[in-house]
Amino acid sequence: MVQSKGGSSRGSSSREFGITFEIEPPAAVRPGTPFTLPVVVAVRPVGNQVNPAVQHMVAHASLRSETGAAAATGLAGTLTSSVRSRNGNTTSGFAKFSPLSIAQPGRYRIRVILGAASHSGVTTKEYVDSGVIDVHAGAEAVQRPTPLQISKLQAMTAENIDITPADIAAWQRAA
């Protein structure tokens, strides 16, 4: 069973979790070409105590229109991820989506929705939208990782989300 709190509860005093992009999707990609880097979100409890009934946190990526107002089709890859850290599945950590690709040209956003699983089902807690992704044939085939992205990825190698120093080196060589 999936229950929704009506989308994002940003600004609410009852907000339990924050979700932010650690590694955003690229600003431009070719249709059907996998993103060079994984998309990674960070999840952190905020404010109130986390409900003890929450057993597991999951994140799901979906494709949205440029404005974020409507769902879009064509996002492929690993679209659902457990929130993990060096302590295993947790309520504070990271969710990784890789490889991802977008099939059709256009301008889109990726929305990552955070869900809390308990004995009574999954409840949507929060979401975050990426910046606009321009999907067109003239985009670079690979995206060059920035020094900030490399630094963030290096810090995540200890976080149990399947990012290794060898992966980082390969992403740097691909560019």
N, C-alpha and C. Protein backbone atom coordinates (compact mmCIF):
# COMPACT_ATOMS: atom_id res chain seq x y z
N MET A 1 0.84 -1.17 0.00
CA MET A 1 0.00 0.00 0.00
C MET A 1 0.89 1.24 0.00
N VAL A 2 0.57 2.21 -0.84
CA VAL A 2 1.32 3.46 -0.89
C VAL A 2 0.41 4.58 -0.44
N GLN A 3 0.89 5.35 0.52
CA GLN A 3 0.14 6.50 1.02
C GLN A 3 0.95 7.74 0.70
N SER A 4 0.26 8.82 0.38
CA SER A 4 0.95 10.05 0.05
C SER A 4 0.57 11.14 1.02
N LYS A 5 1.53 11.97 1.35
CA LYS A 5 1.26 13.14 2.17
C LYS A 5 0.99 14.35 1.28
N GLY A 6 0.68 14.11 0.00
CA GLY A 6 0.34 15.22 -0.89
C GLY A 6 1.55 15.90 -1.49
N GLY A 7 2.64 15.17 -1.71
CA GLY A 7 3.83 15.76 -2.32
C GLY A 7 4.81 16.22 -1.27
N SER A 8 5.54 17.24 -1.58
CA SER A 8 6.57 17.74 -0.68
C SER A 8 5.94 18.48 0.49
N SER A 9 6.55 18.29 1.64
CA SER A 9 6.08 19.03 2.81
C SER A 9 7.08 20.12 3.17
N ARG A 10 7.79 20.65 2.17
CA ARG A 10 8.77 21.70 2.43
C ARG A 10 8.12 22.84 3.21
N GLY A 11 8.85 23.31 4.22
CA GLY A 11 8.36 24.42 5.01
C GLY A 11 7.42 24.02 6.13
N SER A 12 7.07 22.77 6.22
CA SER A 12 6.16 22.30 7.25
C SER A 12 6.93 22.00 8.52
N SER A 13 6.35 22.31 9.68
CA SER A 13 7.00 22.00 10.94
C SER A 13 7.00 20.51 11.22
N SER A 14 6.18 19.74 10.49
CA SER A 14 6.14 18.30 10.69
C SER A 14 7.09 17.56 9.75
N ARG A 15 7.87 18.27 9.01
CA ARG A 15 8.80 17.66 8.06
C ARG A 15 9.77 16.74 8.81
N GLU A 16 9.88 15.50 8.33
CA GLU A 16 10.75 14.52 8.98
C GLU A 16 12.09 14.35 8.28
N PHE A 17 12.13 14.57 6.94
CA PHE A 17 13.33 14.28 6.17
C PHE A 17 13.65 15.40 5.19
N GLY A 18 14.92 15.57 4.93
CA GLY A 18 15.38 16.43 3.86
C GLY A 18 16.00 15.55 2.79
N ILE A 19 15.80 15.91 1.54
CA ILE A 19 16.39 15.16 0.43
C ILE A 19 16.99 16.19 -0.53
N THR A 20 18.25 15.99 -0.88
CA THR A 20 18.95 16.91 -1.77
C THR A 20 19.80 16.11 -2.75
N PHE A 21 20.07 16.71 -3.89
CA PHE A 21 20.97 16.07 -4.85
C PHE A 21 22.41 16.28 -4.40
N GLU A 22 23.16 15.19 -4.30
CA GLU A 22 24.60 15.25 -4.10
C GLU A 22 25.29 15.28 -5.46
N ILE A 23 24.81 14.44 -6.38
CA ILE A 23 25.28 14.44 -7.77
C ILE A 23 24.04 14.59 -8.63
N GLU A 24 23.88 15.77 -9.24
CA GLU A 24 22.71 16.07 -10.08
C GLU A 24 22.85 15.40 -11.44
N PRO A 25 21.72 15.20 -12.11
CA PRO A 25 21.80 14.75 -13.51
C PRO A 25 22.54 15.80 -14.34
N PRO A 26 23.11 15.40 -15.47
CA PRO A 26 23.80 16.38 -16.32
C PRO A 26 22.81 17.38 -16.92
N ALA A 27 23.31 18.54 -17.30
CA ALA A 27 22.46 19.58 -17.89
C ALA A 27 22.06 19.25 -19.32
N ALA A 28 22.88 18.44 -20.01
CA ALA A 28 22.58 18.06 -21.40
C ALA A 28 23.08 16.64 -21.65
N VAL A 29 22.26 15.86 -22.34
CA VAL A 29 22.61 14.47 -22.70
C VAL A 29 22.04 14.14 -24.07
N ARG A 30 22.61 13.11 -24.68
CA ARG A 30 22.07 12.59 -25.93
C ARG A 30 20.92 11.63 -25.63
N PRO A 31 19.92 11.59 -26.50
CA PRO A 31 18.82 10.64 -26.29
C PRO A 31 19.34 9.20 -26.23
N GLY A 32 18.88 8.46 -25.23
CA GLY A 32 19.22 7.05 -25.10
C GLY A 32 20.62 6.75 -24.62
N THR A 33 21.44 7.77 -24.39
CA THR A 33 22.82 7.56 -23.93
C THR A 33 22.87 7.64 -22.41
N PRO A 34 23.41 6.61 -21.75
CA PRO A 34 23.48 6.63 -20.28
C PRO A 34 24.29 7.82 -19.76
N PHE A 35 23.84 8.40 -18.66
CA PHE A 35 24.58 9.47 -18.01
C PHE A 35 25.94 8.90 -17.59
N THR A 36 26.99 9.71 -17.69
CA THR A 36 28.32 9.26 -17.29
C THR A 36 28.39 8.97 -15.79
N LEU A 37 27.89 9.89 -14.99
CA LEU A 37 27.93 9.74 -13.53
C LEU A 37 26.59 9.24 -13.00
N PRO A 38 26.61 8.58 -11.86
CA PRO A 38 25.34 8.22 -11.23
C PRO A 38 24.66 9.47 -10.70
N VAL A 39 23.36 9.42 -10.57
CA VAL A 39 22.61 10.46 -9.87
C VAL A 39 22.52 9.99 -8.42
N VAL A 40 22.90 10.86 -7.48
CA VAL A 40 22.91 10.49 -6.07
C VAL A 40 22.17 11.56 -5.27
N VAL A 41 21.27 11.10 -4.38
CA VAL A 41 20.60 12.01 -3.46
C VAL A 41 21.03 11.67 -2.03
N ALA A 42 21.06 12.69 -1.19
CA ALA A 42 21.33 12.52 0.24
C ALA A 42 20.01 12.67 0.98
N VAL A 43 19.80 11.82 1.97
CA VAL A 43 18.60 11.85 2.80
C VAL A 43 19.03 12.05 4.25
N ARG A 44 18.43 13.02 4.91
CA ARG A 44 18.75 13.30 6.31
C ARG A 44 17.47 13.55 7.09
N PRO A 45 17.35 12.97 8.29
CA PRO A 45 16.23 13.34 9.15
C PRO A 45 16.40 14.80 9.57
N VAL A 46 15.30 15.52 9.67
CA VAL A 46 15.33 16.91 10.13
C VAL A 46 14.25 17.11 11.17
N GLY A 47 14.48 18.06 12.05
CA GLY A 47 13.46 18.43 13.01
C GLY A 47 13.03 17.32 13.93
N ASN A 48 11.84 16.82 13.69
CA ASN A 48 11.22 15.85 14.59
C ASN A 48 11.94 14.51 14.57
N GLN A 49 11.73 13.75 15.63
CA GLN A 49 12.25 12.39 15.72
C GLN A 49 11.65 11.54 14.61
N VAL A 50 12.45 10.65 14.02
CA VAL A 50 11.95 9.74 12.99
C VAL A 50 11.01 8.74 13.65
N ASN A 51 9.88 8.51 13.01
CA ASN A 51 8.89 7.55 13.50
C ASN A 51 9.55 6.18 13.68
N PRO A 52 9.48 5.59 14.88
CA PRO A 52 10.13 4.30 15.10
C PRO A 52 9.52 3.16 14.28
N ALA A 53 8.33 3.35 13.72
CA ALA A 53 7.71 2.32 12.89
C ALA A 53 8.37 2.23 11.51
N VAL A 54 9.13 3.27 11.12
CA VAL A 54 9.80 3.27 9.81
C VAL A 54 10.90 2.21 9.84
N GLN A 55 10.78 1.25 8.92
CA GLN A 55 11.74 0.14 8.86
C GLN A 55 12.79 0.34 7.78
N HIS A 56 12.45 1.10 6.76
CA HIS A 56 13.33 1.18 5.60
C HIS A 56 12.96 2.43 4.80
N MET A 57 13.96 3.08 4.21
CA MET A 57 13.72 4.24 3.36
C MET A 57 14.09 3.85 1.92
N VAL A 58 13.24 4.25 0.98
CA VAL A 58 13.49 4.00 -0.43
C VAL A 58 13.32 5.30 -1.20
N ALA A 59 14.02 5.40 -2.32
CA ALA A 59 13.89 6.57 -3.19
C ALA A 59 13.59 6.07 -4.59
N HIS A 60 12.75 6.82 -5.29
CA HIS A 60 12.36 6.43 -6.65
C HIS A 60 12.52 7.64 -7.57
N ALA A 61 13.15 7.43 -8.71
CA ALA A 61 13.36 8.49 -9.70
C ALA A 61 12.33 8.37 -10.82
N SER A 62 11.79 9.51 -11.22
CA SER A 62 10.85 9.54 -12.34
C SER A 62 11.15 10.76 -13.20
N LEU A 63 10.67 10.72 -14.43
CA LEU A 63 10.89 11.81 -15.37
C LEU A 63 9.70 12.75 -15.34
N ARG A 64 9.99 14.04 -15.33
CA ARG A 64 8.96 15.07 -15.31
C ARG A 64 9.18 16.02 -16.49
N SER A 65 8.16 16.79 -16.79
CA SER A 65 8.28 17.83 -17.82
C SER A 65 9.28 18.89 -17.35
N GLU A 66 9.62 19.79 -18.24
CA GLU A 66 10.57 20.86 -17.91
C GLU A 66 10.12 21.67 -16.69
N THR A 67 8.83 21.91 -16.57
CA THR A 67 8.33 22.68 -15.43
C THR A 67 8.18 21.83 -14.18
N GLY A 68 8.19 20.52 -14.34
CA GLY A 68 7.98 19.61 -13.22
C GLY A 68 6.52 19.32 -12.95
N ALA A 69 5.62 19.98 -13.70
CA ALA A 69 4.19 19.87 -13.43
C ALA A 69 3.57 18.57 -13.92
N ALA A 70 4.16 17.94 -14.93
CA ALA A 70 3.55 16.74 -15.52
C ALA A 70 4.56 15.60 -15.61
N ALA A 71 4.05 14.39 -15.49
CA ALA A 71 4.89 13.21 -15.67
C ALA A 71 5.29 13.09 -17.13
N ALA A 72 6.45 12.51 -17.38
CA ALA A 72 6.93 12.26 -18.74
C ALA A 72 7.41 10.81 -18.81
N THR A 73 7.50 10.29 -20.02
CA THR A 73 7.97 8.92 -20.19
C THR A 73 9.36 8.92 -20.80
N GLY A 74 10.07 7.80 -20.65
CA GLY A 74 11.35 7.65 -21.33
C GLY A 74 12.56 7.56 -20.43
N LEU A 75 12.40 7.65 -19.11
CA LEU A 75 13.54 7.47 -18.21
C LEU A 75 13.78 5.98 -18.03
N ALA A 76 15.02 5.55 -18.26
CA ALA A 76 15.36 4.13 -18.15
C ALA A 76 16.56 3.96 -17.23
N GLY A 77 16.66 2.77 -16.65
CA GLY A 77 17.78 2.44 -15.77
C GLY A 77 17.28 2.00 -14.42
N THR A 78 18.15 2.08 -13.43
CA THR A 78 17.80 1.74 -12.05
C THR A 78 17.04 2.91 -11.45
N LEU A 79 15.72 2.76 -11.31
CA LEU A 79 14.87 3.88 -10.90
C LEU A 79 14.50 3.86 -9.42
N THR A 80 14.78 2.77 -8.72
CA THR A 80 14.47 2.67 -7.29
C THR A 80 15.72 2.24 -6.55
N SER A 81 15.96 2.86 -5.40
CA SER A 81 17.17 2.60 -4.63
C SER A 81 16.86 2.67 -3.14
N SER A 82 17.47 1.79 -2.37
CA SER A 82 17.40 1.88 -0.92
C SER A 82 18.26 3.04 -0.45
N VAL A 83 17.87 3.66 0.65
CA VAL A 83 18.72 4.66 1.29
C VAL A 83 19.72 3.89 2.14
N ARG A 84 21.00 4.09 1.83
CA ARG A 84 22.05 3.30 2.48
C ARG A 84 23.17 4.22 2.98
N SER A 85 23.87 3.70 3.96
CA SER A 85 25.08 4.35 4.46
C SER A 85 26.05 3.26 4.87
N ARG A 86 27.15 3.65 5.45
CA ARG A 86 28.12 2.65 5.90
C ARG A 86 27.52 1.72 6.94
N ASN A 87 26.37 2.09 7.51
CA ASN A 87 25.68 1.26 8.50
C ASN A 87 24.61 0.37 7.88
N GLY A 88 24.53 0.31 6.56
CA GLY A 88 23.53 -0.51 5.88
C GLY A 88 22.32 0.31 5.48
N ASN A 89 21.15 -0.33 5.41
CA ASN A 89 19.91 0.38 5.10
C ASN A 89 19.55 1.24 6.30
N THR A 90 19.36 2.53 6.06
CA THR A 90 19.16 3.47 7.17
C THR A 90 18.13 4.53 6.80
N THR A 91 17.83 5.39 7.76
CA THR A 91 16.96 6.54 7.50
C THR A 91 17.78 7.79 7.19
N SER A 92 19.09 7.65 7.15
CA SER A 92 19.99 8.75 6.83
C SER A 92 21.11 8.19 5.98
N GLY A 93 21.26 8.70 4.78
CA GLY A 93 22.30 8.18 3.90
C GLY A 93 22.10 8.64 2.48
N PHE A 94 22.37 7.75 1.53
CA PHE A 94 22.36 8.10 0.12
C PHE A 94 21.58 7.07 -0.68
N ALA A 95 20.99 7.53 -1.78
CA ALA A 95 20.37 6.64 -2.77
C ALA A 95 21.03 6.95 -4.11
N LYS A 96 21.42 5.89 -4.82
CA LYS A 96 22.15 6.03 -6.08
C LYS A 96 21.31 5.47 -7.23
N PHE A 97 21.27 6.21 -8.33
CA PHE A 97 20.55 5.79 -9.53
C PHE A 97 21.54 5.74 -10.69
N SER A 98 21.81 4.53 -11.18
CA SER A 98 22.78 4.38 -12.26
C SER A 98 22.66 2.99 -12.86
N PRO A 99 22.74 2.87 -14.17
CA PRO A 99 22.82 3.94 -15.16
C PRO A 99 21.43 4.49 -15.47
N LEU A 100 21.35 5.76 -15.78
CA LEU A 100 20.09 6.38 -16.21
C LEU A 100 20.26 6.91 -17.62
N SER A 101 19.17 6.87 -18.38
CA SER A 101 19.15 7.49 -19.71
C SER A 101 17.74 7.97 -19.99
N ILE A 102 17.64 8.92 -20.90
CA ILE A 102 16.35 9.48 -21.32
C ILE A 102 16.21 9.23 -22.81
N ALA A 103 15.11 8.60 -23.21
CA ALA A 103 14.95 8.10 -24.58
C ALA A 103 14.71 9.19 -25.63
N GLN A 104 13.89 10.17 -25.32
CA GLN A 104 13.43 11.12 -26.34
C GLN A 104 14.02 12.52 -26.15
N PRO A 105 14.29 13.23 -27.26
CA PRO A 105 14.73 14.62 -27.15
C PRO A 105 13.66 15.45 -26.44
N GLY A 106 14.11 16.49 -25.77
CA GLY A 106 13.21 17.39 -25.06
C GLY A 106 13.90 17.99 -23.86
N ARG A 107 13.13 18.69 -23.05
CA ARG A 107 13.66 19.31 -21.82
C ARG A 107 12.87 18.74 -20.65
N TYR A 108 13.59 18.18 -19.70
CA TYR A 108 12.98 17.44 -18.61
C TYR A 108 13.64 17.77 -17.27
N ARG A 109 13.04 17.24 -16.22
CA ARG A 109 13.62 17.20 -14.88
C ARG A 109 13.48 15.77 -14.37
N ILE A 110 14.34 15.39 -13.44
CA ILE A 110 14.17 14.13 -12.74
C ILE A 110 13.67 14.45 -11.34
N ARG A 111 12.60 13.77 -10.95
CA ARG A 111 12.06 13.91 -9.60
C ARG A 111 12.41 12.65 -8.81
N VAL A 112 12.99 12.85 -7.64
CA VAL A 112 13.27 11.73 -6.74
C VAL A 112 12.34 11.85 -5.55
N ILE A 113 11.55 10.80 -5.35
CA ILE A 113 10.56 10.75 -4.28
C ILE A 113 11.09 9.84 -3.18
N LEU A 114 11.00 10.30 -1.95
CA LEU A 114 11.44 9.53 -0.79
C LEU A 114 10.25 8.85 -0.14
N GLY A 115 10.37 7.55 0.08
CA GLY A 115 9.31 6.79 0.73
C GLY A 115 9.81 6.12 1.99
N ALA A 116 8.95 6.07 3.01
CA ALA A 116 9.27 5.39 4.26
C ALA A 116 8.42 4.13 4.34
N ALA A 117 9.09 2.99 4.46
CA ALA A 117 8.38 1.70 4.54
C ALA A 117 8.23 1.31 6.01
N SER A 118 7.02 0.88 6.34
CA SER A 118 6.74 0.36 7.68
C SER A 118 5.83 -0.84 7.54
N HIS A 119 5.42 -1.41 8.64
CA HIS A 119 4.54 -2.59 8.59
C HIS A 119 3.21 -2.29 7.91
N SER A 120 2.81 -1.02 7.86
CA SER A 120 1.51 -0.68 7.26
C SER A 120 1.61 -0.24 5.80
N GLY A 121 2.81 -0.22 5.22
CA GLY A 121 2.95 0.14 3.82
C GLY A 121 4.04 1.17 3.61
N VAL A 122 3.99 1.85 2.47
CA VAL A 122 4.98 2.88 2.13
C VAL A 122 4.29 4.23 2.11
N THR A 123 4.88 5.21 2.77
CA THR A 123 4.35 6.56 2.81
C THR A 123 5.33 7.50 2.12
N THR A 124 4.84 8.31 1.18
CA THR A 124 5.68 9.31 0.53
C THR A 124 5.98 10.40 1.55
N LYS A 125 7.26 10.72 1.70
CA LYS A 125 7.68 11.70 2.70
C LYS A 125 8.12 13.03 2.11
N GLU A 126 8.80 12.99 0.99
CA GLU A 126 9.42 14.21 0.46
C GLU A 126 9.81 13.96 -0.99
N TYR A 127 10.06 15.00 -1.74
CA TYR A 127 10.63 14.84 -3.08
C TYR A 127 11.52 16.02 -3.41
N VAL A 128 12.36 15.82 -4.41
CA VAL A 128 13.22 16.89 -4.91
C VAL A 128 13.28 16.77 -6.43
N ASP A 129 13.25 17.91 -7.11
CA ASP A 129 13.37 17.96 -8.56
C ASP A 129 14.76 18.45 -8.95
N SER A 130 15.30 17.85 -10.00
CA SER A 130 16.61 18.27 -10.52
C SER A 130 16.47 19.56 -11.31
N GLY A 131 17.60 20.08 -11.73
CA GLY A 131 17.60 21.15 -12.71
C GLY A 131 17.12 20.60 -14.04
N VAL A 132 16.94 21.48 -15.01
CA VAL A 132 16.46 21.07 -16.33
C VAL A 132 17.56 20.30 -17.06
N ILE A 133 17.14 19.21 -17.71
CA ILE A 133 18.04 18.38 -18.52
C ILE A 133 17.62 18.55 -19.98
N ASP A 134 18.53 19.04 -20.81
CA ASP A 134 18.25 19.25 -22.23
C ASP A 134 18.74 18.00 -22.98
N VAL A 135 17.80 17.24 -23.53
CA VAL A 135 18.13 16.00 -24.23
C VAL A 135 18.09 16.29 -25.73
N HIS A 136 19.27 16.23 -26.36
CA HIS A 136 19.35 16.52 -27.80
C HIS A 136 20.56 15.82 -28.40
N ALA A 137 20.50 15.59 -29.70
CA ALA A 137 21.54 14.84 -30.41
C ALA A 137 22.90 15.53 -30.39
N GLY A 138 22.93 16.84 -30.21
CA GLY A 138 24.20 17.57 -30.22
C GLY A 138 24.92 17.60 -28.89
N ALA A 139 24.34 16.99 -27.86
CA ALA A 139 24.98 16.99 -26.54
C ALA A 139 26.23 16.11 -26.56
N GLU A 140 27.15 16.39 -25.66
CA GLU A 140 28.35 15.56 -25.53
C GLU A 140 27.95 14.13 -25.20
N ALA A 141 28.72 13.17 -25.71
CA ALA A 141 28.43 11.75 -25.45
C ALA A 141 28.71 11.38 -24.00
N VAL A 142 29.70 12.02 -23.39
CA VAL A 142 30.01 11.80 -21.98
C VAL A 142 30.09 13.15 -21.28
N GLN A 143 29.80 13.14 -20.00
CA GLN A 143 29.84 14.38 -19.23
C GLN A 143 31.10 14.38 -18.37
N ARG A 144 31.84 15.46 -18.43
CA ARG A 144 33.07 15.58 -17.65
C ARG A 144 32.72 15.86 -16.18
N PRO A 145 33.22 15.00 -15.25
CA PRO A 145 32.97 15.27 -13.83
C PRO A 145 33.75 16.50 -13.37
N THR A 146 33.12 17.34 -12.58
CA THR A 146 33.77 18.53 -12.05
C THR A 146 34.61 18.14 -10.83
N PRO A 147 35.56 18.98 -10.43
CA PRO A 147 36.32 18.69 -9.21
C PRO A 147 35.40 18.52 -7.98
N LEU A 148 34.33 19.31 -7.89
CA LEU A 148 33.41 19.16 -6.76
C LEU A 148 32.70 17.80 -6.80
N GLN A 149 32.27 17.38 -7.98
CA GLN A 149 31.64 16.06 -8.10
C GLN A 149 32.62 14.96 -7.71
N ILE A 150 33.86 15.05 -8.18
CA ILE A 150 34.87 14.05 -7.84
C ILE A 150 35.06 14.00 -6.32
N SER A 151 35.15 15.16 -5.70
CA SER A 151 35.32 15.21 -4.24
C SER A 151 34.15 14.55 -3.52
N LYS A 152 32.93 14.85 -3.96
CA LYS A 152 31.75 14.25 -3.34
C LYS A 152 31.73 12.74 -3.55
N LEU A 153 32.05 12.29 -4.76
CA LEU A 153 32.08 10.86 -5.05
C LEU A 153 33.13 10.15 -4.21
N GLN A 154 34.31 10.77 -4.06
CA GLN A 154 35.35 10.17 -3.23
C GLN A 154 34.89 10.02 -1.78
N ALA A 155 34.17 11.01 -1.28
CA ALA A 155 33.65 10.93 0.10
C ALA A 155 32.60 9.84 0.25
N MET A 156 31.92 9.50 -0.84
CA MET A 156 30.86 8.48 -0.79
C MET A 156 31.37 7.05 -0.91
N THR A 157 32.65 6.86 -1.19
CA THR A 157 33.14 5.48 -1.37
C THR A 157 32.98 4.65 -0.10
N ALA A 158 32.95 5.28 1.06
CA ALA A 158 32.78 4.55 2.32
C ALA A 158 31.31 4.36 2.70
N GLU A 159 30.40 4.84 1.88
CA GLU A 159 28.99 4.87 2.27
C GLU A 159 28.16 3.68 1.81
N ASN A 160 28.76 2.62 1.33
CA ASN A 160 28.02 1.39 1.05
C ASN A 160 26.98 1.57 -0.07
N ILE A 161 27.30 2.41 -1.06
CA ILE A 161 26.36 2.60 -2.18
C ILE A 161 26.98 2.20 -3.51
N ASP A 162 27.98 1.35 -3.45
CA ASP A 162 28.60 0.80 -4.66
C ASP A 162 29.26 1.86 -5.54
N ILE A 163 29.99 2.76 -4.92
CA ILE A 163 30.86 3.69 -5.64
C ILE A 163 32.27 3.41 -5.14
N THR A 164 33.16 3.06 -6.08
CA THR A 164 34.53 2.70 -5.71
C THR A 164 35.53 3.68 -6.31
N PRO A 165 36.75 3.71 -5.78
CA PRO A 165 37.79 4.54 -6.41
C PRO A 165 38.00 4.16 -7.88
N ALA A 166 37.87 2.89 -8.22
CA ALA A 166 38.01 2.46 -9.62
C ALA A 166 36.91 3.06 -10.49
N ASP A 167 35.68 3.13 -9.96
CA ASP A 167 34.58 3.77 -10.70
C ASP A 167 34.91 5.23 -10.98
N ILE A 168 35.38 5.93 -9.95
CA ILE A 168 35.69 7.36 -10.09
C ILE A 168 36.78 7.56 -11.14
N ALA A 169 37.80 6.73 -11.09
CA ALA A 169 38.88 6.83 -12.09
C ALA A 169 38.34 6.59 -13.50
N ALA A 170 37.45 5.62 -13.65
CA ALA A 170 36.86 5.33 -14.97
C ALA A 170 36.02 6.50 -15.46
N TRP A 171 35.26 7.14 -14.58
CA TRP A 171 34.45 8.30 -14.98
C TRP A 171 35.34 9.45 -15.41
N GLN A 172 36.47 9.62 -14.73
CA GLN A 172 37.40 10.68 -15.12
C GLN A 172 38.04 10.38 -16.47
N ARG A 173 38.37 9.12 -16.73
CA ARG A 173 38.98 8.75 -18.01
C ARG A 173 37.98 8.84 -19.16
N ALA A 174 36.71 8.57 -18.88
CA ALA A 174 35.68 8.58 -19.94
C ALA A 174 35.52 9.97 -20.53
N ALA A 175 35.75 10.97 -19.75
CA ALA A 175 35.60 12.34 -20.22
C ALA A 175 36.81 12.71 -21.00
